[in-house]
Amino acid sequence: MASIIDMPKLSDTMTVGTVVKWLKNEGEEVSNGDVLAEVETDKATMELECFDDGTLLKIYVPAGSEAPIGGPLAAVGEPGEKAPDLGGG
């Protein structure tokens, strides 16, 4: 079953984050500890780390777009697995 990677709360005052750029592409293998993207908060640009092994199935938030804390950014799962349809994402 796919794991959803959500926008983490990276500072006390953060309510949304902006995906500056994705460092991995859909279909690429990822491992625990890989940096998936750069996320800009109200204070700094931080690295978004992967905590699962598998394939980056889907990117829900394109580079340059904002997402609220807890909002889905991407899905990681088994090769060939269908990414969850989160409706509107």
N, C-alpha and C. Protein backbone atom coordinates (compact mmCIF):
# COMPACT_ATOMS: atom_id res chain seq x y z
N MET A 1 0.84 -1.18 0.00
CA MET A 1 0.00 0.00 0.00
C MET A 1 0.89 1.24 0.00
N ALA A 2 0.52 2.21 -0.81
CA ALA A 2 1.31 3.43 -0.95
C ALA A 2 1.30 4.25 0.34
N SER A 3 2.41 4.93 0.59
CA SER A 3 2.51 5.85 1.70
C SER A 3 2.39 7.26 1.15
N ILE A 4 1.62 8.10 1.83
CA ILE A 4 1.48 9.49 1.43
C ILE A 4 2.48 10.32 2.22
N ILE A 5 3.23 11.15 1.52
CA ILE A 5 4.16 12.07 2.17
C ILE A 5 3.45 13.41 2.27
N ASP A 6 3.27 13.87 3.51
CA ASP A 6 2.55 15.11 3.78
C ASP A 6 3.53 16.26 4.00
N MET A 7 3.00 17.48 3.84
CA MET A 7 3.80 18.67 4.15
C MET A 7 4.07 18.70 5.65
N PRO A 8 5.34 18.63 6.03
CA PRO A 8 5.66 18.65 7.46
C PRO A 8 5.62 20.08 8.01
N LYS A 9 5.45 20.18 9.32
CA LYS A 9 5.55 21.48 9.98
C LYS A 9 7.02 21.69 10.32
N LEU A 10 7.65 22.61 9.60
CA LEU A 10 9.09 22.79 9.73
C LEU A 10 9.48 23.98 10.60
N SER A 11 8.48 24.77 11.02
CA SER A 11 8.74 25.85 11.97
C SER A 11 7.46 26.09 12.78
N ASP A 12 7.60 26.75 13.92
CA ASP A 12 6.46 26.98 14.80
C ASP A 12 5.40 27.87 14.17
N THR A 13 5.81 28.78 13.29
CA THR A 13 4.87 29.73 12.71
C THR A 13 4.39 29.31 11.32
N MET A 14 4.86 28.20 10.83
CA MET A 14 4.52 27.76 9.47
C MET A 14 3.08 27.27 9.39
N THR A 15 2.35 27.75 8.36
CA THR A 15 1.01 27.23 8.09
C THR A 15 0.94 26.58 6.71
N VAL A 16 1.80 27.03 5.80
CA VAL A 16 1.91 26.45 4.45
C VAL A 16 3.38 26.39 4.09
N GLY A 17 3.70 25.55 3.13
CA GLY A 17 5.04 25.48 2.59
C GLY A 17 4.97 25.48 1.08
N THR A 18 6.03 25.94 0.44
CA THR A 18 6.11 25.96 -1.01
C THR A 18 7.14 24.94 -1.46
N VAL A 19 6.75 24.07 -2.39
CA VAL A 19 7.71 23.13 -2.97
C VAL A 19 8.55 23.93 -3.95
N VAL A 20 9.82 24.16 -3.62
CA VAL A 20 10.70 24.93 -4.49
C VAL A 20 11.07 24.10 -5.71
N LYS A 21 11.53 22.87 -5.48
CA LYS A 21 11.82 21.97 -6.60
C LYS A 21 11.86 20.54 -6.11
N TRP A 22 11.47 19.64 -7.01
CA TRP A 22 11.55 18.21 -6.74
C TRP A 22 12.92 17.71 -7.18
N LEU A 23 13.56 16.92 -6.33
CA LEU A 23 14.87 16.36 -6.64
C LEU A 23 14.76 14.94 -7.18
N LYS A 24 13.58 14.37 -7.06
CA LYS A 24 13.28 13.04 -7.61
C LYS A 24 12.08 13.19 -8.55
N ASN A 25 11.99 12.31 -9.52
CA ASN A 25 10.88 12.33 -10.48
C ASN A 25 9.96 11.15 -10.26
N GLU A 26 8.72 11.29 -10.71
CA GLU A 26 7.78 10.17 -10.65
C GLU A 26 8.41 8.98 -11.36
N GLY A 27 8.27 7.81 -10.75
CA GLY A 27 8.82 6.58 -11.33
C GLY A 27 10.21 6.24 -10.84
N GLU A 28 10.88 7.16 -10.16
CA GLU A 28 12.22 6.90 -9.64
C GLU A 28 12.16 6.11 -8.35
N GLU A 29 13.15 5.24 -8.16
CA GLU A 29 13.28 4.53 -6.89
C GLU A 29 13.78 5.50 -5.83
N VAL A 30 13.22 5.37 -4.63
CA VAL A 30 13.64 6.20 -3.50
C VAL A 30 13.89 5.30 -2.30
N SER A 31 14.74 5.78 -1.41
CA SER A 31 15.08 5.02 -0.21
C SER A 31 14.96 5.92 1.01
N ASN A 32 14.78 5.29 2.16
CA ASN A 32 14.76 6.01 3.43
C ASN A 32 16.01 6.87 3.52
N GLY A 33 15.83 8.16 3.75
CA GLY A 33 16.95 9.08 3.86
C GLY A 33 17.20 9.91 2.62
N ASP A 34 16.62 9.50 1.47
CA ASP A 34 16.76 10.30 0.25
C ASP A 34 16.06 11.64 0.42
N VAL A 35 16.62 12.68 -0.17
CA VAL A 35 15.97 13.98 -0.19
C VAL A 35 15.11 14.03 -1.45
N LEU A 36 13.81 14.24 -1.24
CA LEU A 36 12.85 14.25 -2.34
C LEU A 36 12.67 15.62 -2.96
N ALA A 37 12.67 16.65 -2.12
CA ALA A 37 12.36 17.99 -2.60
C ALA A 37 12.93 19.03 -1.66
N GLU A 38 12.92 20.27 -2.14
CA GLU A 38 13.24 21.41 -1.30
C GLU A 38 11.94 22.15 -1.02
N VAL A 39 11.70 22.45 0.27
CA VAL A 39 10.46 23.10 0.69
C VAL A 39 10.83 24.42 1.36
N GLU A 40 10.17 25.49 0.92
CA GLU A 40 10.39 26.81 1.50
C GLU A 40 9.31 27.09 2.54
N THR A 41 9.75 27.47 3.73
CA THR A 41 8.82 27.84 4.79
C THR A 41 8.82 29.36 4.92
N ASP A 42 8.16 29.86 5.94
CA ASP A 42 8.17 31.30 6.18
C ASP A 42 9.54 31.78 6.65
N LYS A 43 10.43 30.86 6.99
CA LYS A 43 11.73 31.24 7.54
C LYS A 43 12.93 30.77 6.73
N ALA A 44 12.83 29.64 6.05
CA ALA A 44 14.01 29.07 5.39
C ALA A 44 13.58 28.05 4.34
N THR A 45 14.56 27.60 3.55
CA THR A 45 14.34 26.50 2.62
C THR A 45 14.95 25.25 3.24
N MET A 46 14.14 24.19 3.32
CA MET A 46 14.56 22.96 3.98
C MET A 46 14.44 21.79 3.01
N GLU A 47 15.12 20.70 3.33
CA GLU A 47 15.03 19.49 2.53
C GLU A 47 13.91 18.60 3.05
N LEU A 48 13.13 18.03 2.13
CA LEU A 48 12.07 17.08 2.47
C LEU A 48 12.64 15.68 2.28
N GLU A 49 12.76 14.96 3.38
CA GLU A 49 13.37 13.63 3.37
C GLU A 49 12.32 12.54 3.22
N CYS A 50 12.71 11.48 2.54
CA CYS A 50 11.86 10.30 2.38
C CYS A 50 12.11 9.35 3.55
N PHE A 51 11.04 8.75 4.07
CA PHE A 51 11.17 7.79 5.17
C PHE A 51 10.74 6.40 4.76
N ASP A 52 10.53 6.19 3.46
CA ASP A 52 10.10 4.89 2.94
C ASP A 52 11.01 4.46 1.80
N ASP A 53 11.06 3.17 1.56
CA ASP A 53 11.74 2.62 0.39
C ASP A 53 10.67 2.28 -0.64
N GLY A 54 10.96 2.53 -1.90
CA GLY A 54 10.01 2.19 -2.94
C GLY A 54 10.20 3.05 -4.17
N THR A 55 9.09 3.35 -4.82
CA THR A 55 9.07 4.15 -6.03
C THR A 55 8.23 5.39 -5.79
N LEU A 56 8.71 6.53 -6.27
CA LEU A 56 7.92 7.75 -6.19
C LEU A 56 6.80 7.62 -7.23
N LEU A 57 5.61 7.29 -6.74
CA LEU A 57 4.48 6.98 -7.62
C LEU A 57 3.84 8.23 -8.21
N LYS A 58 3.66 9.25 -7.39
CA LYS A 58 2.95 10.44 -7.85
C LYS A 58 3.38 11.65 -7.06
N ILE A 59 3.52 12.76 -7.76
CA ILE A 59 3.75 14.07 -7.13
C ILE A 59 2.42 14.82 -7.21
N TYR A 60 1.86 15.16 -6.06
CA TYR A 60 0.57 15.84 -6.01
C TYR A 60 0.71 17.36 -6.08
N VAL A 61 1.85 17.90 -5.63
CA VAL A 61 2.06 19.35 -5.59
C VAL A 61 3.26 19.67 -6.47
N PRO A 62 3.04 20.32 -7.61
CA PRO A 62 4.16 20.63 -8.50
C PRO A 62 5.08 21.69 -7.91
N ALA A 63 6.30 21.74 -8.41
CA ALA A 63 7.26 22.76 -7.98
C ALA A 63 6.66 24.14 -8.19
N GLY A 64 6.88 25.01 -7.20
CA GLY A 64 6.36 26.36 -7.26
C GLY A 64 5.00 26.52 -6.61
N SER A 65 4.40 25.42 -6.18
CA SER A 65 3.07 25.46 -5.57
C SER A 65 3.15 25.32 -4.06
N GLU A 66 2.11 25.84 -3.39
CA GLU A 66 2.02 25.76 -1.93
C GLU A 66 1.13 24.59 -1.51
N ALA A 67 1.39 24.12 -0.30
CA ALA A 67 0.54 23.11 0.32
C ALA A 67 0.44 23.42 1.81
N PRO A 68 -0.73 23.20 2.42
CA PRO A 68 -0.87 23.43 3.85
C PRO A 68 -0.15 22.33 4.64
N ILE A 69 0.15 22.62 5.88
CA ILE A 69 0.74 21.59 6.76
C ILE A 69 -0.20 20.39 6.77
N GLY A 70 0.35 19.21 6.59
CA GLY A 70 -0.44 17.98 6.58
C GLY A 70 -1.05 17.66 5.22
N GLY A 71 -0.92 18.58 4.27
CA GLY A 71 -1.45 18.33 2.93
C GLY A 71 -0.56 17.34 2.18
N PRO A 72 -1.14 16.50 1.33
CA PRO A 72 -0.36 15.49 0.60
C PRO A 72 0.56 16.13 -0.44
N LEU A 73 1.82 15.69 -0.45
CA LEU A 73 2.79 16.17 -1.43
C LEU A 73 3.08 15.13 -2.49
N ALA A 74 3.20 13.86 -2.06
CA ALA A 74 3.59 12.79 -2.98
C ALA A 74 3.18 11.44 -2.39
N ALA A 75 3.26 10.41 -3.24
CA ALA A 75 2.99 9.04 -2.80
C ALA A 75 4.18 8.16 -3.17
N VAL A 76 4.57 7.30 -2.24
CA VAL A 76 5.64 6.33 -2.45
C VAL A 76 5.06 4.94 -2.24
N GLY A 77 5.39 4.01 -3.15
CA GLY A 77 4.88 2.66 -3.02
C GLY A 77 5.70 1.68 -3.82
N GLU A 78 5.10 0.55 -4.14
CA GLU A 78 5.77 -0.50 -4.90
C GLU A 78 5.79 -0.14 -6.39
N PRO A 79 6.82 -0.57 -7.12
CA PRO A 79 6.85 -0.31 -8.56
C PRO A 79 5.58 -0.85 -9.22
N GLY A 80 4.96 -0.04 -10.07
CA GLY A 80 3.76 -0.46 -10.77
C GLY A 80 2.47 -0.28 -9.99
N GLU A 81 2.58 0.04 -8.71
CA GLU A 81 1.38 0.28 -7.88
C GLU A 81 0.72 1.58 -8.33
N LYS A 82 -0.59 1.62 -8.25
CA LYS A 82 -1.34 2.83 -8.61
C LYS A 82 -1.34 3.78 -7.40
N ALA A 83 -1.00 5.03 -7.65
CA ALA A 83 -1.02 6.04 -6.58
C ALA A 83 -2.46 6.32 -6.19
N PRO A 84 -2.70 6.57 -4.90
CA PRO A 84 -4.05 6.91 -4.46
C PRO A 84 -4.56 8.16 -5.15
N ASP A 85 -5.82 8.15 -5.54
CA ASP A 85 -6.47 9.34 -6.11
C ASP A 85 -7.02 10.13 -4.94
N LEU A 86 -6.44 11.29 -4.71
CA LEU A 86 -6.85 12.08 -3.55
C LEU A 86 -7.91 13.11 -3.91
N GLY A 87 -8.43 13.03 -5.10
CA GLY A 87 -9.49 13.94 -5.52
C GLY A 87 -9.05 15.38 -5.57
N GLY A 88 -8.93 15.91 -6.73
CA GLY A 88 -8.53 17.30 -6.89
C GLY A 88 -7.05 17.51 -6.78
N GLY A 89 -6.27 16.43 -6.58
CA GLY A 89 -4.83 16.61 -6.43
C GLY A 89 -4.05 16.16 -7.58
